[in-house]
Protein backbone atom coordinates (compact mmCIF):
# COMPACT_ATOMS: atom_id res chain seq x y z
CA UNK A 1 22.34 9.71 8.46
CA UNK A 2 21.05 7.52 11.19
CA UNK A 3 22.39 3.91 11.08
CA UNK A 4 19.45 1.83 9.94
CA UNK A 5 18.01 -0.78 12.32
CA UNK A 6 15.70 -2.03 9.51
CA UNK A 7 15.41 -1.45 5.96
CA UNK A 8 12.12 -1.44 4.15
CA UNK A 9 12.05 -2.28 0.47
CA UNK A 10 9.18 -1.38 -1.82
CA UNK A 11 8.65 -2.16 -5.51
CA UNK A 12 6.34 0.64 -6.81
CA UNK A 13 4.32 0.60 -10.05
CA UNK A 14 5.83 3.75 -11.41
CA UNK A 15 8.58 6.34 -10.71
CA UNK A 16 5.86 9.03 -9.91
CA UNK A 17 4.53 6.92 -7.09
CA UNK A 18 7.98 5.82 -5.88
CA UNK A 19 9.01 9.29 -5.10
CA UNK A 20 6.09 11.14 -3.85
CA UNK A 21 6.35 14.83 -2.60
CA UNK A 22 5.93 15.76 1.05
CA UNK A 23 6.30 12.32 2.65
CA UNK A 24 4.82 12.14 6.02
CA UNK A 25 7.19 10.56 8.57
CA UNK A 26 5.29 7.50 9.75
CA UNK A 27 8.41 5.50 10.50
CA UNK A 28 11.16 6.34 12.99
CA UNK A 29 14.58 7.63 11.62
CA UNK A 30 16.39 4.29 12.17
CA UNK A 31 13.93 2.53 9.82
CA UNK A 32 15.12 3.41 6.29
CA UNK A 33 13.23 2.83 2.87
CA UNK A 34 14.71 1.79 -0.33
CA UNK A 35 12.59 1.67 -3.49
CA UNK A 36 12.45 0.34 -7.12
CA UNK A 37 9.90 0.61 -9.76
CA UNK A 38 8.48 -1.73 -12.37
CA UNK A 39 7.56 1.43 -14.50
CA UNK A 40 4.24 0.17 -15.91
CA UNK A 41 2.55 2.27 -18.57
CA UNK A 42 -0.87 1.65 -17.37
CA UNK A 43 -2.96 -0.49 -14.99
CA UNK A 44 -4.36 -2.57 -17.78
CA UNK A 45 -3.77 -6.36 -17.85
CA UNK A 46 -1.05 -5.83 -20.60
CA UNK A 47 0.48 -3.10 -18.62
CA UNK A 48 0.87 -4.94 -15.46
CA UNK A 49 1.95 -8.15 -17.16
CA UNK A 50 4.70 -6.06 -18.93
CA UNK A 51 5.76 -4.29 -15.76
CA UNK A 52 5.91 -7.58 -13.80
CA UNK A 53 8.62 -8.72 -16.27
CA UNK A 54 10.83 -6.12 -14.42
CA UNK A 55 9.80 -7.28 -10.90
CA UNK A 56 12.70 -9.67 -10.19
CA UNK A 57 15.23 -7.04 -11.34
CA UNK A 58 13.70 -4.65 -8.89
CA UNK A 59 13.86 -7.40 -6.04
CA UNK A 60 17.61 -7.94 -6.78
CA UNK A 61 18.22 -4.32 -6.51
CA UNK A 62 16.51 -4.00 -3.13
CA UNK A 63 18.32 -6.96 -1.88
CA UNK A 64 21.66 -5.45 -2.85
CA UNK A 65 20.61 -2.34 -0.75
CA UNK A 66 20.12 -4.80 2.16
CA UNK A 67 16.34 -4.67 2.34
CA UNK A 68 14.89 -6.69 5.37
CA UNK A 69 11.50 -6.73 3.65
CA UNK A 70 10.10 -6.39 0.12
CA UNK A 71 6.65 -5.27 -0.62
CA UNK A 72 4.96 -5.16 -4.06
CA UNK A 73 3.03 -1.97 -4.05
CA UNK A 74 -0.17 -0.91 -5.72
CA UNK A 75 -3.71 -2.26 -5.30
CA UNK A 76 -4.35 -1.91 -9.02
CA UNK A 77 -1.36 -4.28 -9.59
CA UNK A 78 -2.63 -6.67 -7.14
CA UNK A 79 -6.10 -6.58 -8.63
CA UNK A 80 -4.93 -7.36 -12.18
CA UNK A 81 -2.69 -10.12 -10.87
CA UNK A 82 -5.52 -11.75 -8.73
CA UNK A 83 -5.04 -12.89 -5.14
CA UNK A 84 -3.70 -16.36 -6.15
CA UNK A 85 -0.88 -14.96 -8.21
CA UNK A 86 -0.06 -12.34 -5.62
CA UNK A 87 0.32 -14.91 -2.82
CA UNK A 88 2.50 -16.94 -5.25
CA UNK A 89 4.71 -13.90 -5.91
CA UNK A 90 5.01 -13.29 -2.10
CA UNK A 91 6.04 -16.80 -1.63
CA UNK A 92 8.54 -16.94 -4.38
CA UNK A 93 10.07 -13.54 -3.27
CA UNK A 94 10.53 -14.87 0.29
CA UNK A 95 12.03 -18.11 -1.03
CA UNK A 96 14.41 -16.46 -3.29
CA UNK A 97 15.68 -13.62 -1.13
CA UNK A 98 15.35 -14.94 2.49
CA UNK A 99 13.62 -11.67 3.52
CA UNK A 100 10.00 -10.85 4.61
CA UNK A 101 7.81 -10.57 1.32
CA UNK A 102 4.45 -8.81 1.14
CA UNK A 103 2.14 -6.88 -1.31
CA UNK A 104 -0.16 -4.12 -0.63
CA UNK A 105 -3.17 -6.32 -1.49
CA UNK A 106 -2.34 -8.59 1.34
CA UNK A 107 -1.35 -5.87 3.73
CA UNK A 108 -4.84 -4.36 3.17
CA UNK A 109 -6.58 -7.50 3.62
CA UNK A 110 -4.82 -8.24 6.84
CA UNK A 111 -5.40 -4.66 8.13
CA UNK A 112 -9.14 -4.90 7.34
CA UNK A 113 -9.36 -8.25 9.14
CA UNK A 114 -7.38 -6.68 12.21
CA UNK A 115 -9.94 -3.74 12.57
CA UNK A 116 -12.76 -6.30 12.29
CA UNK A 117 -14.08 -4.97 8.99
CA UNK A 118 -15.66 -7.81 6.97
CA UNK A 119 -18.05 -5.22 5.20
CA UNK A 120 -16.48 -2.15 3.73
CA UNK A 121 -16.93 0.81 1.54
CA UNK A 122 -14.32 1.74 -1.17
CA UNK A 123 -13.64 5.33 -2.13
CA UNK A 124 -12.11 4.40 -5.44
CA UNK A 125 -10.93 6.85 -8.14
CA UNK A 126 -10.19 3.83 -10.56
CA UNK A 127 -12.17 2.74 -13.63
CA UNK A 128 -15.04 0.37 -13.28
CA UNK A 129 -12.83 -2.41 -14.56
CA UNK A 130 -10.24 -2.04 -11.94
CA UNK A 131 -12.90 -1.65 -9.33
CA UNK A 132 -14.44 -5.01 -10.31
CA UNK A 133 -10.97 -6.70 -10.03
CA UNK A 134 -10.37 -5.13 -6.67
CA UNK A 135 -13.84 -6.24 -5.34
CA UNK A 136 -13.08 -9.79 -6.53
CA UNK A 137 -9.71 -9.65 -4.75
CA UNK A 138 -11.21 -8.69 -1.51
CA UNK A 139 -14.23 -10.98 -1.89
CA UNK A 140 -11.70 -13.86 -2.20
CA UNK A 141 -10.26 -12.75 1.14
CA UNK A 142 -13.60 -12.80 2.96
CA UNK A 143 -14.38 -9.19 2.79
CA UNK A 144 -17.59 -7.92 1.47
CA UNK A 145 -17.65 -4.71 -0.55
CA UNK A 146 -20.89 -2.80 0.00
CA UNK A 147 -20.10 -0.01 -2.37
CA UNK A 148 -17.30 1.27 -4.55
CA UNK A 149 -16.99 4.64 -6.25
CA UNK A 150 -15.42 5.54 -9.44
CA UNK A 151 -13.69 8.49 -11.13
CA UNK A 152 -12.74 6.49 -14.24
CA UNK A 153 -9.05 6.75 -13.74
CA UNK A 154 -6.31 4.72 -15.09
CA UNK A 155 -2.67 5.17 -14.54
CA UNK A 156 -2.16 8.27 -16.80
CA UNK A 157 -4.76 10.27 -14.92
CA UNK A 158 -3.57 9.09 -11.46
CA UNK A 159 0.01 9.95 -12.01
CA UNK A 160 -0.83 13.46 -13.46
CA UNK A 161 -2.85 14.59 -10.39
CA UNK A 162 -1.41 17.33 -8.18
CA UNK A 163 -1.44 16.96 -4.35
CA UNK A 164 -4.30 19.38 -3.97
CA UNK A 165 -6.44 17.52 -6.60
CA UNK A 166 -5.68 14.23 -4.95
CA UNK A 167 -6.63 15.35 -1.49
CA UNK A 168 -9.80 16.98 -2.70
CA UNK A 169 -10.85 13.86 -4.72
CA UNK A 170 -10.15 11.60 -1.62
CA UNK A 171 -12.54 13.77 0.48
CA UNK A 172 -15.13 13.80 -2.22
CA UNK A 173 -15.15 10.00 -2.91
CA UNK A 174 -14.73 9.08 0.71
CA UNK A 175 -17.81 11.03 1.68
CA UNK A 176 -19.71 9.63 -1.32
CA UNK A 177 -18.79 6.01 -0.44
CA UNK A 178 -19.97 6.45 3.22
CA UNK A 179 -23.20 8.17 2.27
CA UNK A 180 -23.95 5.22 0.12
CA UNK A 181 -22.88 2.57 2.67
CA UNK A 182 -23.40 3.87 6.19
CA UNK A 183 -23.34 0.30 7.45
CA UNK A 184 -19.78 -0.23 6.33
CA UNK A 185 -17.38 -1.30 9.13
CA UNK A 186 -14.40 0.52 7.45
CA UNK A 187 -13.51 2.77 4.59
CA UNK A 188 -10.74 1.86 2.11
CA UNK A 189 -9.02 4.50 0.11
CA UNK A 190 -7.02 2.51 -2.40
CA UNK A 191 -4.04 4.02 -4.33
CA UNK A 192 -0.69 5.74 -3.46
CA UNK A 193 -0.47 8.64 -5.81
CA UNK A 194 -3.31 10.81 -4.54
CA UNK A 195 -1.91 11.66 -1.14
CA UNK A 196 -5.06 10.35 0.73
CA UNK A 197 -3.20 10.08 4.08
CA UNK A 198 -4.18 13.61 4.95
CA UNK A 199 -7.85 12.98 4.86
CA UNK A 200 -7.83 9.90 7.11
CA UNK A 201 -8.18 11.51 10.60
CA UNK A 202 -10.98 13.70 9.34
CA UNK A 203 -12.93 10.97 7.77
CA UNK A 204 -12.57 8.75 10.73
CA UNK A 205 -13.91 11.57 13.07
CA UNK A 206 -16.82 12.22 10.69
CA UNK A 207 -17.97 8.68 10.06
CA UNK A 208 -16.56 6.74 13.29
CA UNK A 209 -15.01 3.99 11.20
CA UNK A 210 -11.42 2.92 10.46
CA UNK A 211 -10.00 4.32 7.28
CA UNK A 212 -7.39 2.18 5.54
CA UNK A 213 -4.94 3.16 2.73
CA UNK A 214 -2.11 1.22 1.13
CA UNK A 215 0.55 3.20 2.91
CA UNK A 216 -1.18 2.72 6.32
CA UNK A 217 -1.51 -1.10 5.76
CA UNK A 218 2.22 -1.36 4.84
CA UNK A 219 3.10 0.71 7.87
CA UNK A 220 0.88 -1.26 10.24
CA UNK A 221 2.45 -4.47 9.07
CA UNK A 222 5.75 -3.13 10.64
CA UNK A 223 3.95 -2.01 13.71
CA UNK A 224 2.12 -5.39 14.22
CA UNK A 225 5.48 -7.18 13.80
CA UNK A 226 7.02 -5.09 16.59
CA UNK A 227 9.48 -3.57 14.17
CA UNK A 228 8.01 0.02 14.23
CA UNK A 229 6.23 1.80 17.10
CA UNK A 230 2.53 2.89 16.91
CA UNK A 231 1.97 6.39 15.29
CA UNK A 232 -0.83 8.67 16.60
CA UNK A 233 -2.56 11.30 14.46
CA UNK A 234 -2.87 9.37 11.20
CA UNK A 235 -5.76 7.08 11.95
CA UNK A 236 -6.86 4.13 14.09
CA UNK A 237 -5.02 1.43 12.16
CA UNK A 238 -1.46 2.43 13.06
CA UNK A 239 -2.25 4.00 16.51
CA UNK A 240 -1.80 0.56 18.16
CA UNK A 241 -0.53 -2.88 17.50
């Protein structure tokens, strides 16, 4: 195994998201990844509150594995917590551990600002309740949501999707969102369990706008910081600093 130059730590919402199949190599081999999971039962307010009780145990486990950064994953988690609470968790994590702290919510916000997208479309598979919370999160960061789709999913439906189902749904909802909001400056595909990365280059070519996902935003943070090199073939966001 390559000796790590940098270790990325991620706290995932659930084991199913933590260990996804067929992981695309967006990072070079000398950047290692370590993970932990708060194992939420659902993306409801009660489910996220319960899961966050396990967050600090996950942080301690990642620090023991010498993580140089720790990211709280999951836009549904960030949406239920709200932006103020997410920023507080990031600050507390950095103060407690001395490492770089982040969250998918803030990585996505920064990525959208980076590509100049203050008006976006969201291809979401989540329930209307989660979509409303995500919209409020982004609005609070100065991003206008022109349209957001819905497939009515909560955690159970999300975690049970096959790769094929996830890719098909990402295409379907991505195209629906852009048809309904052709003036959008970017398309956001939130969620980590539906393998949306594969659709990014095609949707970008079809609609000529940047397409952002949780994973791309987290990777871009490393690229923007000069930790990882740009990656071509998986969308505009990570193709340059």
